């Protein structure tokens, strides 16, 4: 009985000490998608990216048109060609198809990298503003409600107005 009483007192002491050691946690949230929509420079970055997309699409269409032209020529004239010429033309068409596929893959990678390069300064400014607001407001955690990473939140402050003020946005 005495051991049980000592264990209960020790447990209360430890739990009480733990509760006193915990600091207040202040939660905030922001929708990063909404913030990115209003960030200065985002529209010009999107315009530059769209211009590059258009140029690559035109090049791809040109390559596909050339391949289609050569394929139609092959289909029309193949019966009059020797086997050597037919095989050579088939390899040319296969090589052209491979080049088109490689172009598409490389263009996709290039566009992804270009998008990252164009948006990085904008994202960095937004992150800095969020960090500054969180530090100034004494927030322990700021959660991103725009990425659906928060399944439940209670009593958190939306810091979007503070970040917009920090960035000089309306």
N, C-alpha and C. Protein backbone atom coordinates (compact mmCIF):
# COMPACT_ATOMS: atom_id res chain seq x y z
N UNK A 1 0.83 -1.18 0.00
CA UNK A 1 0.00 0.00 0.00
C UNK A 1 0.88 1.26 0.00
N UNK A 2 1.93 1.21 0.81
CA UNK A 2 2.83 2.36 0.89
C UNK A 2 3.56 2.57 -0.44
N UNK A 3 3.94 1.47 -1.10
CA UNK A 3 4.62 1.57 -2.39
C UNK A 3 3.68 2.15 -3.45
N UNK A 4 2.42 1.79 -3.41
CA UNK A 4 1.45 2.31 -4.37
C UNK A 4 1.27 3.81 -4.15
N UNK A 5 1.18 4.23 -2.91
CA UNK A 5 1.02 5.65 -2.61
C UNK A 5 2.24 6.44 -3.07
N UNK A 6 3.42 5.90 -2.87
CA UNK A 6 4.65 6.57 -3.32
C UNK A 6 4.68 6.66 -4.85
N UNK A 7 4.25 5.59 -5.52
CA UNK A 7 4.21 5.59 -6.99
C UNK A 7 3.24 6.64 -7.51
N UNK A 8 2.07 6.78 -6.88
CA UNK A 8 1.08 7.77 -7.31
C UNK A 8 1.62 9.18 -7.10
N UNK A 9 2.24 9.43 -5.93
CA UNK A 9 2.81 10.74 -5.66
C UNK A 9 3.93 11.06 -6.66
N UNK A 10 4.77 10.09 -6.95
CA UNK A 10 5.86 10.30 -7.91
C UNK A 10 5.29 10.61 -9.29
N UNK A 11 4.26 9.88 -9.66
CA UNK A 11 3.63 10.10 -10.98
C UNK A 11 3.04 11.51 -11.06
N UNK A 12 2.34 11.93 -10.01
CA UNK A 12 1.77 13.28 -9.98
C UNK A 12 2.87 14.34 -10.05
N UNK A 13 3.95 14.09 -9.35
CA UNK A 13 5.06 15.03 -9.35
C UNK A 13 5.67 15.16 -10.75
N UNK A 14 5.89 13.99 -11.39
CA UNK A 14 6.47 14.00 -12.73
C UNK A 14 5.53 14.63 -13.75
N UNK A 15 4.24 14.27 -13.67
CA UNK A 15 3.27 14.84 -14.62
C UNK A 15 3.11 16.33 -14.40
N UNK A 16 3.07 16.75 -13.17
CA UNK A 16 2.96 18.16 -12.86
C UNK A 16 4.18 18.92 -13.35
N UNK A 17 5.36 18.35 -13.18
CA UNK A 17 6.59 18.98 -13.67
C UNK A 17 6.60 19.10 -15.17
N UNK A 18 6.07 18.08 -15.85
CA UNK A 18 5.99 18.09 -17.30
C UNK A 18 5.08 19.20 -17.79
N UNK A 19 3.96 19.36 -17.13
CA UNK A 19 3.00 20.37 -17.54
C UNK A 19 3.59 21.76 -17.37
N UNK A 20 4.38 21.96 -16.34
CA UNK A 20 4.99 23.26 -16.11
C UNK A 20 6.10 23.53 -17.12
N UNK A 21 6.74 22.47 -17.60
CA UNK A 21 7.86 22.63 -18.53
C UNK A 21 7.38 22.97 -19.94
N UNK A 22 6.13 22.63 -20.24
CA UNK A 22 5.62 22.90 -21.58
C UNK A 22 5.39 24.39 -21.75
N UNK A 23 5.76 24.91 -22.90
CA UNK A 23 5.51 26.32 -23.16
C UNK A 23 4.23 26.45 -23.96
N UNK A 24 3.71 27.63 -24.00
CA UNK A 24 2.50 27.87 -24.78
C UNK A 24 2.82 27.70 -26.25
N UNK A 25 1.92 27.03 -26.92
CA UNK A 25 2.08 26.82 -28.35
C UNK A 25 1.07 27.71 -29.05
N UNK A 26 1.56 28.52 -29.96
CA UNK A 26 0.70 29.40 -30.73
C UNK A 26 0.73 28.92 -32.18
N UNK A 27 -0.45 28.57 -32.69
CA UNK A 27 -0.55 28.06 -34.05
C UNK A 27 -1.10 29.13 -34.98
N UNK A 28 -0.59 29.13 -36.18
CA UNK A 28 -1.10 29.98 -37.23
C UNK A 28 -1.23 29.16 -38.49
N UNK A 29 -2.02 29.65 -39.43
CA UNK A 29 -2.13 28.95 -40.71
C UNK A 29 -2.21 29.97 -41.83
N UNK A 30 -1.83 29.53 -42.99
CA UNK A 30 -1.89 30.37 -44.19
C UNK A 30 -2.12 29.45 -45.39
N UNK A 31 -2.85 29.95 -46.35
CA UNK A 31 -3.06 29.22 -47.59
C UNK A 31 -2.01 29.70 -48.59
N UNK A 32 -0.97 28.90 -48.77
CA UNK A 32 0.13 29.30 -49.64
C UNK A 32 -0.30 29.44 -51.09
N UNK A 33 -1.30 28.68 -51.51
CA UNK A 33 -1.80 28.80 -52.89
C UNK A 33 -2.41 30.18 -53.12
N UNK A 34 -3.21 30.64 -52.15
CA UNK A 34 -3.80 31.97 -52.27
C UNK A 34 -2.72 33.05 -52.25
N UNK A 35 -1.73 32.87 -51.41
CA UNK A 35 -0.64 33.84 -51.34
C UNK A 35 0.10 33.91 -52.67
N UNK A 36 0.40 32.76 -53.25
CA UNK A 36 1.14 32.75 -54.52
C UNK A 36 0.35 33.41 -55.64
N UNK A 37 -0.98 33.34 -55.58
CA UNK A 37 -1.81 33.97 -56.61
C UNK A 37 -1.68 35.49 -56.61
N UNK A 38 -1.38 36.07 -55.45
CA UNK A 38 -1.33 37.52 -55.36
C UNK A 38 0.09 38.07 -55.25
N UNK A 39 1.08 37.20 -55.29
CA UNK A 39 2.47 37.66 -55.17
C UNK A 39 2.88 38.49 -56.38
N UNK A 40 3.54 39.63 -56.15
CA UNK A 40 4.04 40.42 -57.27
C UNK A 40 5.11 39.64 -58.03
N UNK A 41 5.09 39.76 -59.33
CA UNK A 41 6.07 39.09 -60.17
C UNK A 41 5.61 37.74 -60.68
N UNK A 42 4.57 37.18 -60.07
CA UNK A 42 4.09 35.87 -60.48
C UNK A 42 3.50 35.92 -61.89
N UNK A 43 2.72 36.96 -62.18
CA UNK A 43 2.10 37.07 -63.50
C UNK A 43 3.15 37.20 -64.61
N UNK A 44 4.19 37.99 -64.36
CA UNK A 44 5.23 38.14 -65.39
C UNK A 44 6.01 36.85 -65.55
N UNK A 45 6.23 36.13 -64.46
CA UNK A 45 6.91 34.83 -64.55
C UNK A 45 6.07 33.85 -65.36
N UNK A 46 4.76 33.84 -65.11
CA UNK A 46 3.86 32.96 -65.87
C UNK A 46 3.84 33.34 -67.35
N UNK A 47 3.89 34.64 -67.65
CA UNK A 47 3.89 35.10 -69.05
C UNK A 47 5.15 34.65 -69.76
N UNK A 48 6.29 34.77 -69.09
CA UNK A 48 7.56 34.33 -69.68
C UNK A 48 7.51 32.82 -69.93
N UNK A 49 7.03 32.09 -68.96
CA UNK A 49 6.95 30.64 -69.10
C UNK A 49 6.00 30.25 -70.24
N UNK A 50 4.86 30.93 -70.36
CA UNK A 50 3.91 30.63 -71.42
C UNK A 50 4.51 30.92 -72.78
N UNK A 51 5.31 31.96 -72.88
CA UNK A 51 5.97 32.30 -74.14
C UNK A 51 6.93 31.17 -74.54
N UNK A 52 7.66 30.65 -73.57
CA UNK A 52 8.59 29.55 -73.85
C UNK A 52 7.83 28.28 -74.22
N UNK A 53 6.72 28.04 -73.56
CA UNK A 53 5.89 26.87 -73.89
C UNK A 53 5.41 26.97 -75.34
N UNK A 54 4.96 28.15 -75.72
CA UNK A 54 4.46 28.35 -77.09
C UNK A 54 5.56 28.09 -78.11
N UNK A 55 6.76 28.57 -77.85
CA UNK A 55 7.88 28.34 -78.77
C UNK A 55 8.21 26.86 -78.91
N UNK A 56 8.21 26.15 -77.80
CA UNK A 56 8.51 24.70 -77.84
C UNK A 56 7.39 23.93 -78.53
N UNK A 57 6.14 24.35 -78.30
CA UNK A 57 5.02 23.68 -78.97
C UNK A 57 5.10 23.86 -80.47
N UNK A 58 5.47 25.05 -80.92
CA UNK A 58 5.62 25.31 -82.36
C UNK A 58 6.71 24.43 -82.96
N UNK A 59 7.82 24.31 -82.26
CA UNK A 59 8.91 23.47 -82.74
C UNK A 59 8.45 22.01 -82.83
N UNK A 60 7.73 21.55 -81.81
CA UNK A 60 7.24 20.18 -81.80
C UNK A 60 6.26 19.94 -82.95
N UNK A 61 5.36 20.88 -83.17
CA UNK A 61 4.41 20.74 -84.28
C UNK A 61 5.14 20.67 -85.62
N UNK A 62 6.18 21.47 -85.76
CA UNK A 62 6.97 21.47 -86.99
C UNK A 62 7.62 20.10 -87.20
N UNK A 63 8.19 19.56 -86.13
CA UNK A 63 8.83 18.24 -86.22
C UNK A 63 7.81 17.16 -86.56
N UNK A 64 6.65 17.22 -85.93
CA UNK A 64 5.61 16.22 -86.19
C UNK A 64 5.07 16.34 -87.61
N UNK A 65 4.94 17.55 -88.09
CA UNK A 65 4.47 17.78 -89.45
C UNK A 65 5.47 17.21 -90.46
N UNK A 66 6.74 17.43 -90.22
CA UNK A 66 7.78 16.89 -91.10
C UNK A 66 7.74 15.35 -91.11
N UNK A 67 7.55 14.77 -89.93
CA UNK A 67 7.49 13.31 -89.86
C UNK A 67 6.27 12.78 -90.59
N UNK A 68 5.15 13.45 -90.42
CA UNK A 68 3.93 13.03 -91.10
C UNK A 68 4.10 13.11 -92.62
N UNK A 69 4.74 14.17 -93.08
CA UNK A 69 5.00 14.36 -94.51
C UNK A 69 5.87 13.21 -95.04
N UNK A 70 6.92 12.90 -94.31
CA UNK A 70 7.82 11.82 -94.74
C UNK A 70 7.12 10.45 -94.68
N UNK A 71 6.28 10.27 -93.68
CA UNK A 71 5.55 9.00 -93.56
C UNK A 71 4.59 8.84 -94.74
N UNK A 72 3.86 9.90 -95.08
CA UNK A 72 2.94 9.84 -96.22
C UNK A 72 3.70 9.57 -97.52
N UNK A 73 4.85 10.19 -97.68
CA UNK A 73 5.68 9.96 -98.87
C UNK A 73 6.12 8.50 -98.90
N UNK A 74 6.52 7.98 -97.75
CA UNK A 74 6.94 6.58 -97.66
C UNK A 74 5.79 5.67 -98.08
N UNK A 75 4.60 5.92 -97.56
CA UNK A 75 3.45 5.06 -97.86
C UNK A 75 3.10 5.11 -99.35
N UNK A 76 3.23 6.27 -99.98
CA UNK A 76 2.90 6.41 -101.40
C UNK A 76 3.92 5.73 -102.31
N UNK A 77 5.21 5.83 -101.94
CA UNK A 77 6.26 5.41 -102.86
C UNK A 77 6.93 4.08 -102.51
N UNK A 78 6.58 3.49 -101.40
CA UNK A 78 7.30 2.31 -100.95
C UNK A 78 7.23 1.14 -101.94
N UNK A 79 6.15 1.03 -102.64
CA UNK A 79 6.03 -0.11 -103.57
C UNK A 79 7.03 -0.01 -104.73
N UNK A 80 7.44 1.20 -105.08
CA UNK A 80 8.38 1.37 -106.18
C UNK A 80 9.84 1.35 -105.74
N UNK A 81 10.09 1.28 -104.45
CA UNK A 81 11.46 1.31 -103.94
C UNK A 81 12.02 -0.09 -103.76
N UNK A 82 13.31 -0.17 -103.81
CA UNK A 82 13.97 -1.44 -103.51
C UNK A 82 13.90 -1.66 -101.99
N UNK A 83 14.21 -2.86 -101.58
CA UNK A 83 14.16 -3.19 -100.16
C UNK A 83 15.16 -2.35 -99.37
N UNK A 84 16.32 -2.09 -99.94
CA UNK A 84 17.33 -1.27 -99.27
C UNK A 84 16.81 0.14 -99.00
N UNK A 85 16.19 0.74 -99.99
CA UNK A 85 15.65 2.09 -99.82
C UNK A 85 14.50 2.08 -98.81
N UNK A 86 13.62 1.08 -98.90
CA UNK A 86 12.51 0.97 -97.93
C UNK A 86 13.04 0.87 -96.51
N UNK A 87 14.04 0.01 -96.30
CA UNK A 87 14.62 -0.16 -94.96
C UNK A 87 15.27 1.13 -94.47
N UNK A 88 15.96 1.82 -95.38
CA UNK A 88 16.60 3.08 -95.01
C UNK A 88 15.55 4.12 -94.61
N UNK A 89 14.48 4.22 -95.38
CA UNK A 89 13.41 5.17 -95.08
C UNK A 89 12.70 4.80 -93.76
N UNK A 90 12.53 3.52 -93.50
CA UNK A 90 11.91 3.09 -92.24
C UNK A 90 12.78 3.50 -91.05
N UNK A 91 14.09 3.29 -91.18
CA UNK A 91 15.01 3.70 -90.10
C UNK A 91 14.97 5.21 -89.89
N UNK A 92 14.90 5.96 -90.99
CA UNK A 92 14.82 7.42 -90.89
C UNK A 92 13.56 7.83 -90.12
N UNK A 93 12.45 7.17 -90.44
CA UNK A 93 11.19 7.48 -89.73
C UNK A 93 11.29 7.11 -88.25
N UNK A 94 11.89 5.96 -87.97
CA UNK A 94 12.06 5.55 -86.57
C UNK A 94 12.96 6.53 -85.82
N UNK A 95 14.07 6.93 -86.47
CA UNK A 95 14.98 7.90 -85.85
C UNK A 95 14.28 9.23 -85.60
N UNK A 96 13.48 9.64 -86.56
CA UNK A 96 12.74 10.89 -86.41
C UNK A 96 11.75 10.80 -85.25
N UNK A 97 11.09 9.66 -85.13
CA UNK A 97 10.17 9.44 -84.02
C UNK A 97 10.89 9.48 -82.68
N UNK A 98 12.07 8.89 -82.64
CA UNK A 98 12.87 8.90 -81.41
C UNK A 98 13.29 10.33 -81.06
N UNK A 99 13.70 11.10 -82.07
CA UNK A 99 14.10 12.49 -81.83
C UNK A 99 12.93 13.33 -81.31
N UNK A 100 11.76 13.09 -81.86
CA UNK A 100 10.57 13.81 -81.40
C UNK A 100 10.27 13.47 -79.94
N UNK A 101 10.36 12.20 -79.61
CA UNK A 101 10.10 11.77 -78.24
C UNK A 101 11.13 12.37 -77.28
N UNK A 102 12.40 12.36 -77.67
CA UNK A 102 13.46 12.96 -76.85
C UNK A 102 13.24 14.47 -76.69
N UNK A 103 12.81 15.10 -77.78
CA UNK A 103 12.54 16.54 -77.72
C UNK A 103 11.43 16.83 -76.71
N UNK A 104 10.36 16.03 -76.74
CA UNK A 104 9.26 16.22 -75.80
C UNK A 104 9.74 16.07 -74.35
N UNK A 105 10.52 15.03 -74.09
CA UNK A 105 11.02 14.78 -72.73
C UNK A 105 11.94 15.91 -72.27
N UNK A 106 12.86 16.32 -73.14
CA UNK A 106 13.79 17.39 -72.79
C UNK A 106 13.06 18.73 -72.61
N UNK A 107 12.05 18.97 -73.44
CA UNK A 107 11.28 20.21 -73.33
C UNK A 107 10.54 20.24 -72.00
N UNK A 108 9.99 19.11 -71.61
CA UNK A 108 9.27 19.03 -70.33
C UNK A 108 10.21 19.31 -69.16
N UNK A 109 11.38 18.69 -69.19
CA UNK A 109 12.37 18.94 -68.13
C UNK A 109 12.81 20.40 -68.12
N UNK A 110 13.05 20.94 -69.30
CA UNK A 110 13.49 22.34 -69.41
C UNK A 110 12.43 23.28 -68.85
N UNK A 111 11.17 23.02 -69.17
CA UNK A 111 10.09 23.88 -68.68
C UNK A 111 9.94 23.79 -67.16
N UNK A 112 10.09 22.59 -66.62
CA UNK A 112 10.00 22.43 -65.17
C UNK A 112 11.13 23.20 -64.48
N UNK A 113 12.33 23.09 -65.02
CA UNK A 113 13.47 23.80 -64.44
C UNK A 113 13.28 25.31 -64.57
N UNK A 114 12.81 25.74 -65.71
CA UNK A 114 12.60 27.17 -65.95
C UNK A 114 11.54 27.72 -64.99
N UNK A 115 10.48 26.94 -64.77
CA UNK A 115 9.44 27.37 -63.84
C UNK A 115 10.01 27.51 -62.43
N UNK A 116 10.82 26.55 -62.03
CA UNK A 116 11.46 26.63 -60.71
C UNK A 116 12.34 27.87 -60.62
N UNK A 117 13.12 28.12 -61.66
CA UNK A 117 14.02 29.28 -61.66
C UNK A 117 13.25 30.60 -61.58
N UNK A 118 12.14 30.67 -62.31
CA UNK A 118 11.36 31.90 -62.33
C UNK A 118 10.60 32.12 -61.02
N UNK A 119 10.10 31.05 -60.41
CA UNK A 119 9.28 31.19 -59.21
C UNK A 119 10.09 31.20 -57.91
N UNK A 120 11.34 30.73 -57.95
CA UNK A 120 12.13 30.65 -56.73
C UNK A 120 12.24 31.98 -55.99
N UNK A 121 12.58 33.09 -56.65
CA UNK A 121 12.66 34.36 -55.91
C UNK A 121 11.32 34.77 -55.28
N UNK A 122 10.24 34.48 -55.98
CA UNK A 122 8.90 34.82 -55.48
C UNK A 122 8.58 33.96 -54.25
N UNK A 123 8.87 32.68 -54.35
CA UNK A 123 8.62 31.77 -53.23
C UNK A 123 9.50 32.14 -52.04
N UNK A 124 10.75 32.48 -52.31
CA UNK A 124 11.66 32.87 -51.23
C UNK A 124 11.16 34.12 -50.50
N UNK A 125 10.64 35.11 -51.26
CA UNK A 125 10.09 36.32 -50.63
C UNK A 125 8.89 35.97 -49.75
N UNK A 126 8.03 35.08 -50.25
CA UNK A 126 6.86 34.68 -49.48
C UNK A 126 7.27 33.94 -48.21
N UNK A 127 8.24 33.03 -48.33
CA UNK A 127 8.71 32.29 -47.15
C UNK A 127 9.31 33.23 -46.11
N UNK A 128 10.08 34.21 -46.58
CA UNK A 128 10.70 35.15 -45.65
C UNK A 128 9.63 35.96 -44.93
N UNK A 129 8.62 36.41 -45.67
CA UNK A 129 7.55 37.18 -45.05
C UNK A 129 6.80 36.33 -44.03
N UNK A 130 6.54 35.08 -44.36
CA UNK A 130 5.86 34.17 -43.42
C UNK A 130 6.71 33.97 -42.18
N UNK A 131 8.00 33.75 -42.36
CA UNK A 131 8.91 33.56 -41.23
C UNK A 131 8.98 34.82 -40.36
N UNK A 132 9.04 35.98 -41.00
CA UNK A 132 9.10 37.23 -40.25
C UNK A 132 7.83 37.45 -39.43
N UNK A 133 6.68 37.22 -40.07
CA UNK A 133 5.41 37.39 -39.38
C UNK A 133 5.30 36.39 -38.23
N UNK A 134 5.72 35.15 -38.46
CA UNK A 134 5.66 34.13 -37.40
C UNK A 134 6.55 34.52 -36.23
N UNK A 135 7.76 35.01 -36.52
CA UNK A 135 8.67 35.41 -35.44
C UNK A 135 8.12 36.63 -34.69
N UNK A 136 7.62 37.61 -35.43
CA UNK A 136 7.07 38.81 -34.80
C UNK A 136 5.83 38.52 -33.98
N UNK A 137 5.01 37.56 -34.46
CA UNK A 137 3.77 37.23 -33.77
C UNK A 137 3.92 36.17 -32.69
N UNK A 138 5.12 35.63 -32.54
CA UNK A 138 5.35 34.62 -31.52
C UNK A 138 4.72 33.27 -31.82
N UNK A 139 4.57 32.97 -33.09
CA UNK A 139 3.97 31.69 -33.48
C UNK A 139 4.98 30.57 -33.32
N UNK A 140 4.52 29.47 -32.76
CA UNK A 140 5.36 28.29 -32.64
C UNK A 140 5.34 27.51 -33.94
N UNK A 141 4.16 27.39 -34.54
CA UNK A 141 4.00 26.66 -35.80
C UNK A 141 3.07 27.45 -36.71
N UNK A 142 3.38 27.43 -38.00
CA UNK A 142 2.50 27.97 -39.01
C UNK A 142 2.25 26.84 -39.99
N UNK A 143 1.01 26.49 -40.17
CA UNK A 143 0.64 25.37 -41.03
C UNK A 143 0.13 25.89 -42.36
N UNK A 144 0.33 25.13 -43.41
CA UNK A 144 -0.11 25.51 -44.75
C UNK A 144 -1.45 24.85 -45.02
N UNK A 145 -2.51 25.62 -44.98
CA UNK A 145 -3.84 25.08 -45.22
C UNK A 145 -4.12 24.90 -46.71
N UNK A 146 -3.26 25.42 -47.56
CA UNK A 146 -3.45 25.31 -49.01
C UNK A 146 -3.00 23.98 -49.59
N UNK A 147 -2.23 23.23 -48.84
CA UNK A 147 -1.73 21.95 -49.36
C UNK A 147 -2.50 20.77 -48.81
N UNK A 148 -3.55 21.04 -48.06
CA UNK A 148 -4.37 19.99 -47.46
C UNK A 148 -3.55 19.12 -46.51
N UNK A 149 -2.47 19.67 -45.99
CA UNK A 149 -1.64 18.93 -45.05
C UNK A 149 -2.25 19.00 -43.64
N UNK A 150 -3.17 19.91 -43.42
CA UNK A 150 -3.80 20.06 -42.11
C UNK A 150 -5.15 19.34 -42.16
N UNK A 151 -5.24 18.29 -41.40
CA UNK A 151 -6.50 17.56 -41.37
C UNK A 151 -7.43 18.11 -40.29
N UNK A 152 -6.87 18.68 -39.30
CA UNK A 152 -7.66 19.26 -38.21
C UNK A 152 -6.89 20.42 -37.63
N UNK A 153 -7.59 21.51 -37.41
CA UNK A 153 -6.96 22.62 -36.71
C UNK A 153 -8.00 23.28 -35.83
N UNK A 154 -7.54 23.73 -34.71
CA UNK A 154 -8.43 24.40 -33.78
C UNK A 154 -7.67 25.58 -33.20
N UNK A 155 -8.35 26.68 -33.10
CA UNK A 155 -7.77 27.87 -32.48
C UNK A 155 -6.43 28.27 -33.09
N UNK A 156 -6.37 28.31 -34.42
CA UNK A 156 -5.16 28.83 -35.04
C UNK A 156 -5.53 30.13 -35.74
N UNK A 157 -4.57 31.00 -35.86
CA UNK A 157 -4.78 32.31 -36.47
C UNK A 157 -4.37 32.26 -37.92
N UNK A 158 -5.21 32.83 -38.79
CA UNK A 158 -4.85 32.97 -40.20
C UNK A 158 -3.93 34.18 -40.30
N UNK A 159 -2.70 33.94 -40.70
CA UNK A 159 -1.72 35.03 -40.76
C UNK A 159 -1.61 35.65 -42.14
N UNK A 160 -2.52 35.29 -43.06
CA UNK A 160 -2.50 35.85 -44.41
C UNK A 160 -2.55 37.38 -44.37
N UNK A 161 -3.43 38.02 -43.60
CA UNK A 161 -3.44 39.49 -43.59
C UNK A 161 -2.10 40.08 -43.13
N UNK A 162 -1.46 39.44 -42.18
CA UNK A 162 -0.18 39.94 -41.68
C UNK A 162 0.93 39.79 -42.73
N UNK A 163 0.91 38.66 -43.45
CA UNK A 163 1.91 38.43 -44.50
C UNK A 163 1.68 39.40 -45.65
N UNK A 164 0.41 39.60 -46.01
CA UNK A 164 0.11 40.55 -47.08
C UNK A 164 0.57 41.96 -46.69
N UNK A 165 0.39 42.32 -45.44
CA UNK A 165 0.84 43.63 -44.96
C UNK A 165 2.35 43.72 -45.03
N UNK A 166 3.02 42.63 -44.62
CA UNK A 166 4.48 42.58 -44.64
C UNK A 166 5.02 42.76 -46.05
N UNK A 167 4.30 42.17 -47.02
CA UNK A 167 4.71 42.27 -48.42
C UNK A 167 4.19 43.54 -49.11
N UNK A 168 3.37 44.29 -48.40
CA UNK A 168 2.82 45.51 -48.99
C UNK A 168 1.74 45.22 -49.99
N UNK A 169 0.99 44.13 -49.81
CA UNK A 169 -0.09 43.75 -50.73
C UNK A 169 -1.44 44.05 -50.11
N UNK A 170 -2.44 44.18 -50.95
CA UNK A 170 -3.81 44.42 -50.46
C UNK A 170 -4.60 43.15 -50.54
